[in-house]
């Protein structure tokens, strides 16, 4: 589908905001290592980015429904700016830790609000909304490469303070563009909903939403597990550091490539169909990892895995806007963010401990089983053609 003009500022804001956060995460990690804090400090820094989103992710989405996406997006950008400026003004580990907390919360606020605003963009008849989220997540994939690259060049060339300063400039640019975030009016039915139906329990009471959350959690686990196990698999195959880096880059290329195609695929397949095919591919890749010899297989499999998990977010976001109860799309997205951030926190800890006892291969097969069950759920939802819910009842999405 053609790129809707209302989507351009949203892509720019997400790209600039995530450039600042991904670059700041790398610069903060390098600073901790340079100060002699060691790898445990890096683990703490990375974990702190997810702490507040796990605790308040559902509230972040609810704020979008109550106060509008534009105000929440600006609040998120201000928190990112604070998280980047703190270590620039006070280059110390304490500032790095506080900055990680602030920037992590800000990025989740920004992502939830922009995704909610994108879901409200009116589309011509016959256009699949998944294409909108394909374009939006493509910008996120690009910023995952640009942020660390910019931070690395600035740190090597000028220093840490200059790196944080450059990243704060990206956030300021996003704040200027945030004036073009469309206002998403709240549906009156959200205010009139019985209290028992509010909160995460009310969302999970919807059978369609329960299935969406299981699918997105399985997808997030498969993604986060590769972030943790990818270097381990490469090391066990006796690959060089350059080889391991290339293997991880091939995964990122896969996520970028599939998001280029999601828009056109949305005209041929339903979201459930795409999720079923993607998760079946994810399951097959994790099943194959234990048997993959060193060499080309360890570059092809990560690329295919990137294609599989990269297909997940655009389709899940499209489904959430369709299935969410009236006026609660932001809250539904916030709950998805909670599951994603919880996976980011738990997977390295749980799987790291498990590898000490059982090794790597049982974990690969466990992830494959989870992705396979999610693929079966997605295929079942596609085959059963469930009754219309949420926005479908209102004629939207």
Foldseek 3Di string as FASTA:
>chain_A
DDAPPLLVLLLLLLLLLLLLLLLLLLLLLVLCVVVVVDDVLNVLLLLLLLPVLLVCLLVLLVCCLVPWLLVLLLVLLVLQLCLLVQCLVPVDSVSSSSSSNSNSVSSSSNVLSSLVLLQPDDDPPLFASLLSVLSNVLSVLVSNVNNNVQSVVCCVPPRSSVSSVVSSVSSVVSSVSSVSRDTDHFDVVVVVDDPVLDDPVNQCVDVVLVLLLLLLLLLLLLVLLCVQCLVVLCVVLVHDPVVSVLLLVLLSVLLNVLSVCSRVVVSVDALLLLLLVLLLQSLVLLLCSVVDHPDPNSNVSSSSNSNSSSSSPSSSSSVLQFAPAGSSSSSSVSVSSNSNSVSNNVNNVVVVVVCVPPNDSVVSNVSSVSSNVSSVSSVVCRVVVDDGHHVVVVVGD
